PDBML (XML) file of the C-alpha atoms, coordinates in Angstrom:
<?xml version="1.0" encoding="UTF-8" ?>
<PDBx:datablock datablockName="MODEL"
   xmlns:PDBx="http://pdbml.pdb.org/schema/pdbx-v50.xsd"
   xmlns:xsi="http://www.w3.org/2001/XMLSchema-instance"
   xsi:schemaLocation="http://pdbml.pdb.org/schema/pdbx-v50.xsd pdbx-v50.xsd">
   <PDBx:atom_siteCategory>
      <PDBx:atom_site id="1">
         <PDBx:B_iso_or_equiv>0.00</PDBx:B_iso_or_equiv>
         <PDBx:Cartn_x>4.591</PDBx:Cartn_x>
         <PDBx:Cartn_y>4.064</PDBx:Cartn_y>
         <PDBx:Cartn_z>6.640</PDBx:Cartn_z>
         <PDBx:auth_asym_id>A</PDBx:auth_asym_id>
         <PDBx:auth_atom_id>CA</PDBx:auth_atom_id>
         <PDBx:auth_comp_id>PRO</PDBx:auth_comp_id>
         <PDBx:auth_seq_id>1</PDBx:auth_seq_id>
         <PDBx:group_PDB>ATOM</PDBx:group_PDB>
         <PDBx:label_alt_id xsi:nil="true" />
         <PDBx:label_asym_id>A</PDBx:label_asym_id>
         <PDBx:label_atom_id>CA</PDBx:label_atom_id>
         <PDBx:label_comp_id>PRO</PDBx:label_comp_id>
         <PDBx:label_entity_id>1</PDBx:label_entity_id>
         <PDBx:label_seq_id>1</PDBx:label_seq_id>
         <PDBx:occupancy>1.00</PDBx:occupancy>
         <PDBx:pdbx_PDB_model_num>1</PDBx:pdbx_PDB_model_num>
         <PDBx:type_symbol>C</PDBx:type_symbol>
      </PDBx:atom_site>
      <PDBx:atom_site id="2">
         <PDBx:B_iso_or_equiv>0.00</PDBx:B_iso_or_equiv>
         <PDBx:Cartn_x>7.803</PDBx:Cartn_x>
         <PDBx:Cartn_y>3.440</PDBx:Cartn_y>
         <PDBx:Cartn_z>4.722</PDBx:Cartn_z>
         <PDBx:auth_asym_id>A</PDBx:auth_asym_id>
         <PDBx:auth_atom_id>CA</PDBx:auth_atom_id>
         <PDBx:auth_comp_id>GLU</PDBx:auth_comp_id>
         <PDBx:auth_seq_id>2</PDBx:auth_seq_id>
         <PDBx:group_PDB>ATOM</PDBx:group_PDB>
         <PDBx:label_alt_id xsi:nil="true" />
         <PDBx:label_asym_id>A</PDBx:label_asym_id>
         <PDBx:label_atom_id>CA</PDBx:label_atom_id>
         <PDBx:label_comp_id>GLU</PDBx:label_comp_id>
         <PDBx:label_entity_id>1</PDBx:label_entity_id>
         <PDBx:label_seq_id>2</PDBx:label_seq_id>
         <PDBx:occupancy>1.00</PDBx:occupancy>
         <PDBx:pdbx_PDB_model_num>1</PDBx:pdbx_PDB_model_num>
         <PDBx:type_symbol>C</PDBx:type_symbol>
      </PDBx:atom_site>
      <PDBx:atom_site id="3">
         <PDBx:B_iso_or_equiv>0.00</PDBx:B_iso_or_equiv>
         <PDBx:Cartn_x>10.170</PDBx:Cartn_x>
         <PDBx:Cartn_y>5.398</PDBx:Cartn_y>
         <PDBx:Cartn_z>2.506</PDBx:Cartn_z>
         <PDBx:auth_asym_id>A</PDBx:auth_asym_id>
         <PDBx:auth_atom_id>CA</PDBx:auth_atom_id>
         <PDBx:auth_comp_id>LEU</PDBx:auth_comp_id>
         <PDBx:auth_seq_id>3</PDBx:auth_seq_id>
         <PDBx:group_PDB>ATOM</PDBx:group_PDB>
         <PDBx:label_alt_id xsi:nil="true" />
         <PDBx:label_asym_id>A</PDBx:label_asym_id>
         <PDBx:label_atom_id>CA</PDBx:label_atom_id>
         <PDBx:label_comp_id>LEU</PDBx:label_comp_id>
         <PDBx:label_entity_id>1</PDBx:label_entity_id>
         <PDBx:label_seq_id>3</PDBx:label_seq_id>
         <PDBx:occupancy>1.00</PDBx:occupancy>
         <PDBx:pdbx_PDB_model_num>1</PDBx:pdbx_PDB_model_num>
         <PDBx:type_symbol>C</PDBx:type_symbol>
      </PDBx:atom_site>
      <PDBx:atom_site id="4">
         <PDBx:B_iso_or_equiv>0.00</PDBx:B_iso_or_equiv>
         <PDBx:Cartn_x>12.118</PDBx:Cartn_x>
         <PDBx:Cartn_y>3.293</PDBx:Cartn_y>
         <PDBx:Cartn_z>-0.055</PDBx:Cartn_z>
         <PDBx:auth_asym_id>A</PDBx:auth_asym_id>
         <PDBx:auth_atom_id>CA</PDBx:auth_atom_id>
         <PDBx:auth_comp_id>LEU</PDBx:auth_comp_id>
         <PDBx:auth_seq_id>4</PDBx:auth_seq_id>
         <PDBx:group_PDB>ATOM</PDBx:group_PDB>
         <PDBx:label_alt_id xsi:nil="true" />
         <PDBx:label_asym_id>A</PDBx:label_asym_id>
         <PDBx:label_atom_id>CA</PDBx:label_atom_id>
         <PDBx:label_comp_id>LEU</PDBx:label_comp_id>
         <PDBx:label_entity_id>1</PDBx:label_entity_id>
         <PDBx:label_seq_id>4</PDBx:label_seq_id>
         <PDBx:occupancy>1.00</PDBx:occupancy>
         <PDBx:pdbx_PDB_model_num>1</PDBx:pdbx_PDB_model_num>
         <PDBx:type_symbol>C</PDBx:type_symbol>
      </PDBx:atom_site>
      <PDBx:atom_site id="5">
         <PDBx:B_iso_or_equiv>0.00</PDBx:B_iso_or_equiv>
         <PDBx:Cartn_x>14.387</PDBx:Cartn_x>
         <PDBx:Cartn_y>3.744</PDBx:Cartn_y>
         <PDBx:Cartn_z>-2.858</PDBx:Cartn_z>
         <PDBx:auth_asym_id>A</PDBx:auth_asym_id>
         <PDBx:auth_atom_id>CA</PDBx:auth_atom_id>
         <PDBx:auth_comp_id>TYR</PDBx:auth_comp_id>
         <PDBx:auth_seq_id>5</PDBx:auth_seq_id>
         <PDBx:group_PDB>ATOM</PDBx:group_PDB>
         <PDBx:label_alt_id xsi:nil="true" />
         <PDBx:label_asym_id>A</PDBx:label_asym_id>
         <PDBx:label_atom_id>CA</PDBx:label_atom_id>
         <PDBx:label_comp_id>TYR</PDBx:label_comp_id>
         <PDBx:label_entity_id>1</PDBx:label_entity_id>
         <PDBx:label_seq_id>5</PDBx:label_seq_id>
         <PDBx:occupancy>1.00</PDBx:occupancy>
         <PDBx:pdbx_PDB_model_num>1</PDBx:pdbx_PDB_model_num>
         <PDBx:type_symbol>C</PDBx:type_symbol>
      </PDBx:atom_site>
      <PDBx:atom_site id="6">
         <PDBx:B_iso_or_equiv>0.00</PDBx:B_iso_or_equiv>
         <PDBx:Cartn_x>13.358</PDBx:Cartn_x>
         <PDBx:Cartn_y>1.212</PDBx:Cartn_y>
         <PDBx:Cartn_z>-5.372</PDBx:Cartn_z>
         <PDBx:auth_asym_id>A</PDBx:auth_asym_id>
         <PDBx:auth_atom_id>CA</PDBx:auth_atom_id>
         <PDBx:auth_comp_id>SER</PDBx:auth_comp_id>
         <PDBx:auth_seq_id>6</PDBx:auth_seq_id>
         <PDBx:group_PDB>ATOM</PDBx:group_PDB>
         <PDBx:label_alt_id xsi:nil="true" />
         <PDBx:label_asym_id>A</PDBx:label_asym_id>
         <PDBx:label_atom_id>CA</PDBx:label_atom_id>
         <PDBx:label_comp_id>SER</PDBx:label_comp_id>
         <PDBx:label_entity_id>1</PDBx:label_entity_id>
         <PDBx:label_seq_id>6</PDBx:label_seq_id>
         <PDBx:occupancy>1.00</PDBx:occupancy>
         <PDBx:pdbx_PDB_model_num>1</PDBx:pdbx_PDB_model_num>
         <PDBx:type_symbol>C</PDBx:type_symbol>
      </PDBx:atom_site>
      <PDBx:atom_site id="7">
         <PDBx:B_iso_or_equiv>0.00</PDBx:B_iso_or_equiv>
         <PDBx:Cartn_x>14.438</PDBx:Cartn_x>
         <PDBx:Cartn_y>-0.382</PDBx:Cartn_y>
         <PDBx:Cartn_z>-8.703</PDBx:Cartn_z>
         <PDBx:auth_asym_id>A</PDBx:auth_asym_id>
         <PDBx:auth_atom_id>CA</PDBx:auth_atom_id>
         <PDBx:auth_comp_id>THR</PDBx:auth_comp_id>
         <PDBx:auth_seq_id>7</PDBx:auth_seq_id>
         <PDBx:group_PDB>ATOM</PDBx:group_PDB>
         <PDBx:label_alt_id xsi:nil="true" />
         <PDBx:label_asym_id>A</PDBx:label_asym_id>
         <PDBx:label_atom_id>CA</PDBx:label_atom_id>
         <PDBx:label_comp_id>THR</PDBx:label_comp_id>
         <PDBx:label_entity_id>1</PDBx:label_entity_id>
         <PDBx:label_seq_id>7</PDBx:label_seq_id>
         <PDBx:occupancy>1.00</PDBx:occupancy>
         <PDBx:pdbx_PDB_model_num>1</PDBx:pdbx_PDB_model_num>
         <PDBx:type_symbol>C</PDBx:type_symbol>
      </PDBx:atom_site>
      <PDBx:atom_site id="8">
         <PDBx:B_iso_or_equiv>0.00</PDBx:B_iso_or_equiv>
         <PDBx:Cartn_x>12.441</PDBx:Cartn_x>
         <PDBx:Cartn_y>-2.285</PDBx:Cartn_y>
         <PDBx:Cartn_z>-11.219</PDBx:Cartn_z>
         <PDBx:auth_asym_id>A</PDBx:auth_asym_id>
         <PDBx:auth_atom_id>CA</PDBx:auth_atom_id>
         <PDBx:auth_comp_id>SER</PDBx:auth_comp_id>
         <PDBx:auth_seq_id>8</PDBx:auth_seq_id>
         <PDBx:group_PDB>ATOM</PDBx:group_PDB>
         <PDBx:label_alt_id xsi:nil="true" />
         <PDBx:label_asym_id>A</PDBx:label_asym_id>
         <PDBx:label_atom_id>CA</PDBx:label_atom_id>
         <PDBx:label_comp_id>SER</PDBx:label_comp_id>
         <PDBx:label_entity_id>1</PDBx:label_entity_id>
         <PDBx:label_seq_id>8</PDBx:label_seq_id>
         <PDBx:occupancy>1.00</PDBx:occupancy>
         <PDBx:pdbx_PDB_model_num>1</PDBx:pdbx_PDB_model_num>
         <PDBx:type_symbol>C</PDBx:type_symbol>
      </PDBx:atom_site>
      <PDBx:atom_site id="9">
         <PDBx:B_iso_or_equiv>0.00</PDBx:B_iso_or_equiv>
         <PDBx:Cartn_x>12.346</PDBx:Cartn_x>
         <PDBx:Cartn_y>-3.139</PDBx:Cartn_y>
         <PDBx:Cartn_z>-14.939</PDBx:Cartn_z>
         <PDBx:auth_asym_id>A</PDBx:auth_asym_id>
         <PDBx:auth_atom_id>CA</PDBx:auth_atom_id>
         <PDBx:auth_comp_id>GLY</PDBx:auth_comp_id>
         <PDBx:auth_seq_id>9</PDBx:auth_seq_id>
         <PDBx:group_PDB>ATOM</PDBx:group_PDB>
         <PDBx:label_alt_id xsi:nil="true" />
         <PDBx:label_asym_id>A</PDBx:label_asym_id>
         <PDBx:label_atom_id>CA</PDBx:label_atom_id>
         <PDBx:label_comp_id>GLY</PDBx:label_comp_id>
         <PDBx:label_entity_id>1</PDBx:label_entity_id>
         <PDBx:label_seq_id>9</PDBx:label_seq_id>
         <PDBx:occupancy>1.00</PDBx:occupancy>
         <PDBx:pdbx_PDB_model_num>1</PDBx:pdbx_PDB_model_num>
         <PDBx:type_symbol>C</PDBx:type_symbol>
      </PDBx:atom_site>
      <PDBx:atom_site id="10">
         <PDBx:B_iso_or_equiv>0.00</PDBx:B_iso_or_equiv>
         <PDBx:Cartn_x>11.698</PDBx:Cartn_x>
         <PDBx:Cartn_y>-5.782</PDBx:Cartn_y>
         <PDBx:Cartn_z>-17.673</PDBx:Cartn_z>
         <PDBx:auth_asym_id>A</PDBx:auth_asym_id>
         <PDBx:auth_atom_id>CA</PDBx:auth_atom_id>
         <PDBx:auth_comp_id>VAL</PDBx:auth_comp_id>
         <PDBx:auth_seq_id>10</PDBx:auth_seq_id>
         <PDBx:group_PDB>ATOM</PDBx:group_PDB>
         <PDBx:label_alt_id xsi:nil="true" />
         <PDBx:label_asym_id>A</PDBx:label_asym_id>
         <PDBx:label_atom_id>CA</PDBx:label_atom_id>
         <PDBx:label_comp_id>VAL</PDBx:label_comp_id>
         <PDBx:label_entity_id>1</PDBx:label_entity_id>
         <PDBx:label_seq_id>10</PDBx:label_seq_id>
         <PDBx:occupancy>1.00</PDBx:occupancy>
         <PDBx:pdbx_PDB_model_num>1</PDBx:pdbx_PDB_model_num>
         <PDBx:type_symbol>C</PDBx:type_symbol>
      </PDBx:atom_site>
      <PDBx:atom_site id="11">
         <PDBx:B_iso_or_equiv>0.00</PDBx:B_iso_or_equiv>
         <PDBx:Cartn_x>13.598</PDBx:Cartn_x>
         <PDBx:Cartn_y>-7.315</PDBx:Cartn_y>
         <PDBx:Cartn_z>-20.698</PDBx:Cartn_z>
         <PDBx:auth_asym_id>A</PDBx:auth_asym_id>
         <PDBx:auth_atom_id>CA</PDBx:auth_atom_id>
         <PDBx:auth_comp_id>ASN</PDBx:auth_comp_id>
         <PDBx:auth_seq_id>11</PDBx:auth_seq_id>
         <PDBx:group_PDB>ATOM</PDBx:group_PDB>
         <PDBx:label_alt_id xsi:nil="true" />
         <PDBx:label_asym_id>A</PDBx:label_asym_id>
         <PDBx:label_atom_id>CA</PDBx:label_atom_id>
         <PDBx:label_comp_id>ASN</PDBx:label_comp_id>
         <PDBx:label_entity_id>1</PDBx:label_entity_id>
         <PDBx:label_seq_id>11</PDBx:label_seq_id>
         <PDBx:occupancy>1.00</PDBx:occupancy>
         <PDBx:pdbx_PDB_model_num>1</PDBx:pdbx_PDB_model_num>
         <PDBx:type_symbol>C</PDBx:type_symbol>
      </PDBx:atom_site>
      <PDBx:atom_site id="12">
         <PDBx:B_iso_or_equiv>0.00</PDBx:B_iso_or_equiv>
         <PDBx:Cartn_x>11.822</PDBx:Cartn_x>
         <PDBx:Cartn_y>-8.014</PDBx:Cartn_y>
         <PDBx:Cartn_z>-23.778</PDBx:Cartn_z>
         <PDBx:auth_asym_id>A</PDBx:auth_asym_id>
         <PDBx:auth_atom_id>CA</PDBx:auth_atom_id>
         <PDBx:auth_comp_id>PHE</PDBx:auth_comp_id>
         <PDBx:auth_seq_id>12</PDBx:auth_seq_id>
         <PDBx:group_PDB>ATOM</PDBx:group_PDB>
         <PDBx:label_alt_id xsi:nil="true" />
         <PDBx:label_asym_id>A</PDBx:label_asym_id>
         <PDBx:label_atom_id>CA</PDBx:label_atom_id>
         <PDBx:label_comp_id>PHE</PDBx:label_comp_id>
         <PDBx:label_entity_id>1</PDBx:label_entity_id>
         <PDBx:label_seq_id>12</PDBx:label_seq_id>
         <PDBx:occupancy>1.00</PDBx:occupancy>
         <PDBx:pdbx_PDB_model_num>1</PDBx:pdbx_PDB_model_num>
         <PDBx:type_symbol>C</PDBx:type_symbol>
      </PDBx:atom_site>
      <PDBx:atom_site id="13">
         <PDBx:B_iso_or_equiv>0.00</PDBx:B_iso_or_equiv>
         <PDBx:Cartn_x>12.965</PDBx:Cartn_x>
         <PDBx:Cartn_y>-10.403</PDBx:Cartn_y>
         <PDBx:Cartn_z>-26.580</PDBx:Cartn_z>
         <PDBx:auth_asym_id>A</PDBx:auth_asym_id>
         <PDBx:auth_atom_id>CA</PDBx:auth_atom_id>
         <PDBx:auth_comp_id>SER</PDBx:auth_comp_id>
         <PDBx:auth_seq_id>13</PDBx:auth_seq_id>
         <PDBx:group_PDB>ATOM</PDBx:group_PDB>
         <PDBx:label_alt_id xsi:nil="true" />
         <PDBx:label_asym_id>A</PDBx:label_asym_id>
         <PDBx:label_atom_id>CA</PDBx:label_atom_id>
         <PDBx:label_comp_id>SER</PDBx:label_comp_id>
         <PDBx:label_entity_id>1</PDBx:label_entity_id>
         <PDBx:label_seq_id>13</PDBx:label_seq_id>
         <PDBx:occupancy>1.00</PDBx:occupancy>
         <PDBx:pdbx_PDB_model_num>1</PDBx:pdbx_PDB_model_num>
         <PDBx:type_symbol>C</PDBx:type_symbol>
      </PDBx:atom_site>
      <PDBx:atom_site id="14">
         <PDBx:B_iso_or_equiv>0.00</PDBx:B_iso_or_equiv>
         <PDBx:Cartn_x>11.978</PDBx:Cartn_x>
         <PDBx:Cartn_y>-10.833</PDBx:Cartn_y>
         <PDBx:Cartn_z>-30.242</PDBx:Cartn_z>
         <PDBx:auth_asym_id>A</PDBx:auth_asym_id>
         <PDBx:auth_atom_id>CA</PDBx:auth_atom_id>
         <PDBx:auth_comp_id>ASN</PDBx:auth_comp_id>
         <PDBx:auth_seq_id>14</PDBx:auth_seq_id>
         <PDBx:group_PDB>ATOM</PDBx:group_PDB>
         <PDBx:label_alt_id xsi:nil="true" />
         <PDBx:label_asym_id>A</PDBx:label_asym_id>
         <PDBx:label_atom_id>CA</PDBx:label_atom_id>
         <PDBx:label_comp_id>ASN</PDBx:label_comp_id>
         <PDBx:label_entity_id>1</PDBx:label_entity_id>
         <PDBx:label_seq_id>14</PDBx:label_seq_id>
         <PDBx:occupancy>1.00</PDBx:occupancy>
         <PDBx:pdbx_PDB_model_num>1</PDBx:pdbx_PDB_model_num>
         <PDBx:type_symbol>C</PDBx:type_symbol>
      </PDBx:atom_site>
      <PDBx:atom_site id="15">
         <PDBx:B_iso_or_equiv>0.00</PDBx:B_iso_or_equiv>
         <PDBx:Cartn_x>11.319</PDBx:Cartn_x>
         <PDBx:Cartn_y>-7.149</PDBx:Cartn_y>
         <PDBx:Cartn_z>-30.473</PDBx:Cartn_z>
         <PDBx:auth_asym_id>A</PDBx:auth_asym_id>
         <PDBx:auth_atom_id>CA</PDBx:auth_atom_id>
         <PDBx:auth_comp_id>VAL</PDBx:auth_comp_id>
         <PDBx:auth_seq_id>15</PDBx:auth_seq_id>
         <PDBx:group_PDB>ATOM</PDBx:group_PDB>
         <PDBx:label_alt_id xsi:nil="true" />
         <PDBx:label_asym_id>A</PDBx:label_asym_id>
         <PDBx:label_atom_id>CA</PDBx:label_atom_id>
         <PDBx:label_comp_id>VAL</PDBx:label_comp_id>
         <PDBx:label_entity_id>1</PDBx:label_entity_id>
         <PDBx:label_seq_id>15</PDBx:label_seq_id>
         <PDBx:occupancy>1.00</PDBx:occupancy>
         <PDBx:pdbx_PDB_model_num>1</PDBx:pdbx_PDB_model_num>
         <PDBx:type_symbol>C</PDBx:type_symbol>
      </PDBx:atom_site>
      <PDBx:atom_site id="16">
         <PDBx:B_iso_or_equiv>0.00</PDBx:B_iso_or_equiv>
         <PDBx:Cartn_x>11.721</PDBx:Cartn_x>
         <PDBx:Cartn_y>-5.150</PDBx:Cartn_y>
         <PDBx:Cartn_z>-33.800</PDBx:Cartn_z>
         <PDBx:auth_asym_id>A</PDBx:auth_asym_id>
         <PDBx:auth_atom_id>CA</PDBx:auth_atom_id>
         <PDBx:auth_comp_id>PRO</PDBx:auth_comp_id>
         <PDBx:auth_seq_id>16</PDBx:auth_seq_id>
         <PDBx:group_PDB>ATOM</PDBx:group_PDB>
         <PDBx:label_alt_id xsi:nil="true" />
         <PDBx:label_asym_id>A</PDBx:label_asym_id>
         <PDBx:label_atom_id>CA</PDBx:label_atom_id>
         <PDBx:label_comp_id>PRO</PDBx:label_comp_id>
         <PDBx:label_entity_id>1</PDBx:label_entity_id>
         <PDBx:label_seq_id>16</PDBx:label_seq_id>
         <PDBx:occupancy>1.00</PDBx:occupancy>
         <PDBx:pdbx_PDB_model_num>1</PDBx:pdbx_PDB_model_num>
         <PDBx:type_symbol>C</PDBx:type_symbol>
      </PDBx:atom_site>
      <PDBx:atom_site id="17">
         <PDBx:B_iso_or_equiv>0.00</PDBx:B_iso_or_equiv>
         <PDBx:Cartn_x>14.608</PDBx:Cartn_x>
         <PDBx:Cartn_y>-3.069</PDBx:Cartn_y>
         <PDBx:Cartn_z>-34.324</PDBx:Cartn_z>
         <PDBx:auth_asym_id>A</PDBx:auth_asym_id>
         <PDBx:auth_atom_id>CA</PDBx:auth_atom_id>
         <PDBx:auth_comp_id>VAL</PDBx:auth_comp_id>
         <PDBx:auth_seq_id>17</PDBx:auth_seq_id>
         <PDBx:group_PDB>ATOM</PDBx:group_PDB>
         <PDBx:label_alt_id xsi:nil="true" />
         <PDBx:label_asym_id>A</PDBx:label_asym_id>
         <PDBx:label_atom_id>CA</PDBx:label_atom_id>
         <PDBx:label_comp_id>VAL</PDBx:label_comp_id>
         <PDBx:label_entity_id>1</PDBx:label_entity_id>
         <PDBx:label_seq_id>17</PDBx:label_seq_id>
         <PDBx:occupancy>1.00</PDBx:occupancy>
         <PDBx:pdbx_PDB_model_num>1</PDBx:pdbx_PDB_model_num>
         <PDBx:type_symbol>C</PDBx:type_symbol>
      </PDBx:atom_site>
      <PDBx:atom_site id="18">
         <PDBx:B_iso_or_equiv>0.00</PDBx:B_iso_or_equiv>
         <PDBx:Cartn_x>14.020</PDBx:Cartn_x>
         <PDBx:Cartn_y>0.309</PDBx:Cartn_y>
         <PDBx:Cartn_z>-32.573</PDBx:Cartn_z>
         <PDBx:auth_asym_id>A</PDBx:auth_asym_id>
         <PDBx:auth_atom_id>CA</PDBx:auth_atom_id>
         <PDBx:auth_comp_id>GLY</PDBx:auth_comp_id>
         <PDBx:auth_seq_id>18</PDBx:auth_seq_id>
         <PDBx:group_PDB>ATOM</PDBx:group_PDB>
         <PDBx:label_alt_id xsi:nil="true" />
         <PDBx:label_asym_id>A</PDBx:label_asym_id>
         <PDBx:label_atom_id>CA</PDBx:label_atom_id>
         <PDBx:label_comp_id>GLY</PDBx:label_comp_id>
         <PDBx:label_entity_id>1</PDBx:label_entity_id>
         <PDBx:label_seq_id>18</PDBx:label_seq_id>
         <PDBx:occupancy>1.00</PDBx:occupancy>
         <PDBx:pdbx_PDB_model_num>1</PDBx:pdbx_PDB_model_num>
         <PDBx:type_symbol>C</PDBx:type_symbol>
      </PDBx:atom_site>
      <PDBx:atom_site id="19">
         <PDBx:B_iso_or_equiv>0.00</PDBx:B_iso_or_equiv>
         <PDBx:Cartn_x>11.420</PDBx:Cartn_x>
         <PDBx:Cartn_y>-0.994</PDBx:Cartn_y>
         <PDBx:Cartn_z>-30.246</PDBx:Cartn_z>
         <PDBx:auth_asym_id>A</PDBx:auth_asym_id>
         <PDBx:auth_atom_id>CA</PDBx:auth_atom_id>
         <PDBx:auth_comp_id>SER</PDBx:auth_comp_id>
         <PDBx:auth_seq_id>19</PDBx:auth_seq_id>
         <PDBx:group_PDB>ATOM</PDBx:group_PDB>
         <PDBx:label_alt_id xsi:nil="true" />
         <PDBx:label_asym_id>A</PDBx:label_asym_id>
         <PDBx:label_atom_id>CA</PDBx:label_atom_id>
         <PDBx:label_comp_id>SER</PDBx:label_comp_id>
         <PDBx:label_entity_id>1</PDBx:label_entity_id>
         <PDBx:label_seq_id>19</PDBx:label_seq_id>
         <PDBx:occupancy>1.00</PDBx:occupancy>
         <PDBx:pdbx_PDB_model_num>1</PDBx:pdbx_PDB_model_num>
         <PDBx:type_symbol>C</PDBx:type_symbol>
      </PDBx:atom_site>
      <PDBx:atom_site id="20">
         <PDBx:B_iso_or_equiv>0.00</PDBx:B_iso_or_equiv>
         <PDBx:Cartn_x>12.094</PDBx:Cartn_x>
         <PDBx:Cartn_y>-1.041</PDBx:Cartn_y>
         <PDBx:Cartn_z>-26.473</PDBx:Cartn_z>
         <PDBx:auth_asym_id>A</PDBx:auth_asym_id>
         <PDBx:auth_atom_id>CA</PDBx:auth_atom_id>
         <PDBx:auth_comp_id>PRO</PDBx:auth_comp_id>
         <PDBx:auth_seq_id>20</PDBx:auth_seq_id>
         <PDBx:group_PDB>ATOM</PDBx:group_PDB>
         <PDBx:label_alt_id xsi:nil="true" />
         <PDBx:label_asym_id>A</PDBx:label_asym_id>
         <PDBx:label_atom_id>CA</PDBx:label_atom_id>
         <PDBx:label_comp_id>PRO</PDBx:label_comp_id>
         <PDBx:label_entity_id>1</PDBx:label_entity_id>
         <PDBx:label_seq_id>20</PDBx:label_seq_id>
         <PDBx:occupancy>1.00</PDBx:occupancy>
         <PDBx:pdbx_PDB_model_num>1</PDBx:pdbx_PDB_model_num>
         <PDBx:type_symbol>C</PDBx:type_symbol>
      </PDBx:atom_site>
      <PDBx:atom_site id="21">
         <PDBx:B_iso_or_equiv>0.00</PDBx:B_iso_or_equiv>
         <PDBx:Cartn_x>13.995</PDBx:Cartn_x>
         <PDBx:Cartn_y>-4.197</PDBx:Cartn_y>
         <PDBx:Cartn_z>-25.327</PDBx:Cartn_z>
         <PDBx:auth_asym_id>A</PDBx:auth_asym_id>
         <PDBx:auth_atom_id>CA</PDBx:auth_atom_id>
         <PDBx:auth_comp_id>SER</PDBx:auth_comp_id>
         <PDBx:auth_seq_id>21</PDBx:auth_seq_id>
         <PDBx:group_PDB>ATOM</PDBx:group_PDB>
         <PDBx:label_alt_id xsi:nil="true" />
         <PDBx:label_asym_id>A</PDBx:label_asym_id>
         <PDBx:label_atom_id>CA</PDBx:label_atom_id>
         <PDBx:label_comp_id>SER</PDBx:label_comp_id>
         <PDBx:label_entity_id>1</PDBx:label_entity_id>
         <PDBx:label_seq_id>21</PDBx:label_seq_id>
         <PDBx:occupancy>1.00</PDBx:occupancy>
         <PDBx:pdbx_PDB_model_num>1</PDBx:pdbx_PDB_model_num>
         <PDBx:type_symbol>C</PDBx:type_symbol>
      </PDBx:atom_site>
      <PDBx:atom_site id="22">
         <PDBx:B_iso_or_equiv>0.00</PDBx:B_iso_or_equiv>
         <PDBx:Cartn_x>15.432</PDBx:Cartn_x>
         <PDBx:Cartn_y>-3.338</PDBx:Cartn_y>
         <PDBx:Cartn_z>-21.931</PDBx:Cartn_z>
         <PDBx:auth_asym_id>A</PDBx:auth_asym_id>
         <PDBx:auth_atom_id>CA</PDBx:auth_atom_id>
         <PDBx:auth_comp_id>ASN</PDBx:auth_comp_id>
         <PDBx:auth_seq_id>22</PDBx:auth_seq_id>
         <PDBx:group_PDB>ATOM</PDBx:group_PDB>
         <PDBx:label_alt_id xsi:nil="true" />
         <PDBx:label_asym_id>A</PDBx:label_asym_id>
         <PDBx:label_atom_id>CA</PDBx:label_atom_id>
         <PDBx:label_comp_id>ASN</PDBx:label_comp_id>
         <PDBx:label_entity_id>1</PDBx:label_entity_id>
         <PDBx:label_seq_id>22</PDBx:label_seq_id>
         <PDBx:occupancy>1.00</PDBx:occupancy>
         <PDBx:pdbx_PDB_model_num>1</PDBx:pdbx_PDB_model_num>
         <PDBx:type_symbol>C</PDBx:type_symbol>
      </PDBx:atom_site>
      <PDBx:atom_site id="23">
         <PDBx:B_iso_or_equiv>0.00</PDBx:B_iso_or_equiv>
         <PDBx:Cartn_x>13.706</PDBx:Cartn_x>
         <PDBx:Cartn_y>-0.855</PDBx:Cartn_y>
         <PDBx:Cartn_z>-19.331</PDBx:Cartn_z>
         <PDBx:auth_asym_id>A</PDBx:auth_asym_id>
         <PDBx:auth_atom_id>CA</PDBx:auth_atom_id>
         <PDBx:auth_comp_id>ILE</PDBx:auth_comp_id>
         <PDBx:auth_seq_id>23</PDBx:auth_seq_id>
         <PDBx:group_PDB>ATOM</PDBx:group_PDB>
         <PDBx:label_alt_id xsi:nil="true" />
         <PDBx:label_asym_id>A</PDBx:label_asym_id>
         <PDBx:label_atom_id>CA</PDBx:label_atom_id>
         <PDBx:label_comp_id>ILE</PDBx:label_comp_id>
         <PDBx:label_entity_id>1</PDBx:label_entity_id>
         <PDBx:label_seq_id>23</PDBx:label_seq_id>
         <PDBx:occupancy>1.00</PDBx:occupancy>
         <PDBx:pdbx_PDB_model_num>1</PDBx:pdbx_PDB_model_num>
         <PDBx:type_symbol>C</PDBx:type_symbol>
      </PDBx:atom_site>
      <PDBx:atom_site id="24">
         <PDBx:B_iso_or_equiv>0.00</PDBx:B_iso_or_equiv>
         <PDBx:Cartn_x>15.022</PDBx:Cartn_x>
         <PDBx:Cartn_y>0.018</PDBx:Cartn_y>
         <PDBx:Cartn_z>-15.942</PDBx:Cartn_z>
         <PDBx:auth_asym_id>A</PDBx:auth_asym_id>
         <PDBx:auth_atom_id>CA</PDBx:auth_atom_id>
         <PDBx:auth_comp_id>SER</PDBx:auth_comp_id>
         <PDBx:auth_seq_id>24</PDBx:auth_seq_id>
         <PDBx:group_PDB>ATOM</PDBx:group_PDB>
         <PDBx:label_alt_id xsi:nil="true" />
         <PDBx:label_asym_id>A</PDBx:label_asym_id>
         <PDBx:label_atom_id>CA</PDBx:label_atom_id>
         <PDBx:label_comp_id>SER</PDBx:label_comp_id>
         <PDBx:label_entity_id>1</PDBx:label_entity_id>
         <PDBx:label_seq_id>24</PDBx:label_seq_id>
         <PDBx:occupancy>1.00</PDBx:occupancy>
         <PDBx:pdbx_PDB_model_num>1</PDBx:pdbx_PDB_model_num>
         <PDBx:type_symbol>C</PDBx:type_symbol>
      </PDBx:atom_site>
      <PDBx:atom_site id="25">
         <PDBx:B_iso_or_equiv>0.00</PDBx:B_iso_or_equiv>
         <PDBx:Cartn_x>13.309</PDBx:Cartn_x>
         <PDBx:Cartn_y>2.356</PDBx:Cartn_y>
         <PDBx:Cartn_z>-13.523</PDBx:Cartn_z>
         <PDBx:auth_asym_id>A</PDBx:auth_asym_id>
         <PDBx:auth_atom_id>CA</PDBx:auth_atom_id>
         <PDBx:auth_comp_id>LEU</PDBx:auth_comp_id>
         <PDBx:auth_seq_id>25</PDBx:auth_seq_id>
         <PDBx:group_PDB>ATOM</PDBx:group_PDB>
         <PDBx:label_alt_id xsi:nil="true" />
         <PDBx:label_asym_id>A</PDBx:label_asym_id>
         <PDBx:label_atom_id>CA</PDBx:label_atom_id>
         <PDBx:label_comp_id>LEU</PDBx:label_comp_id>
         <PDBx:label_entity_id>1</PDBx:label_entity_id>
         <PDBx:label_seq_id>25</PDBx:label_seq_id>
         <PDBx:occupancy>1.00</PDBx:occupancy>
         <PDBx:pdbx_PDB_model_num>1</PDBx:pdbx_PDB_model_num>
         <PDBx:type_symbol>C</PDBx:type_symbol>
      </PDBx:atom_site>
   </PDBx:atom_siteCategory>
</PDBx:datablock>
């Protein structure tokens, strides 16, 4: 078993104005 603090995410390109472009979790 493990206990971890974790970060992840994604960058999108060519998205319309007002759409998600950078997500960090």
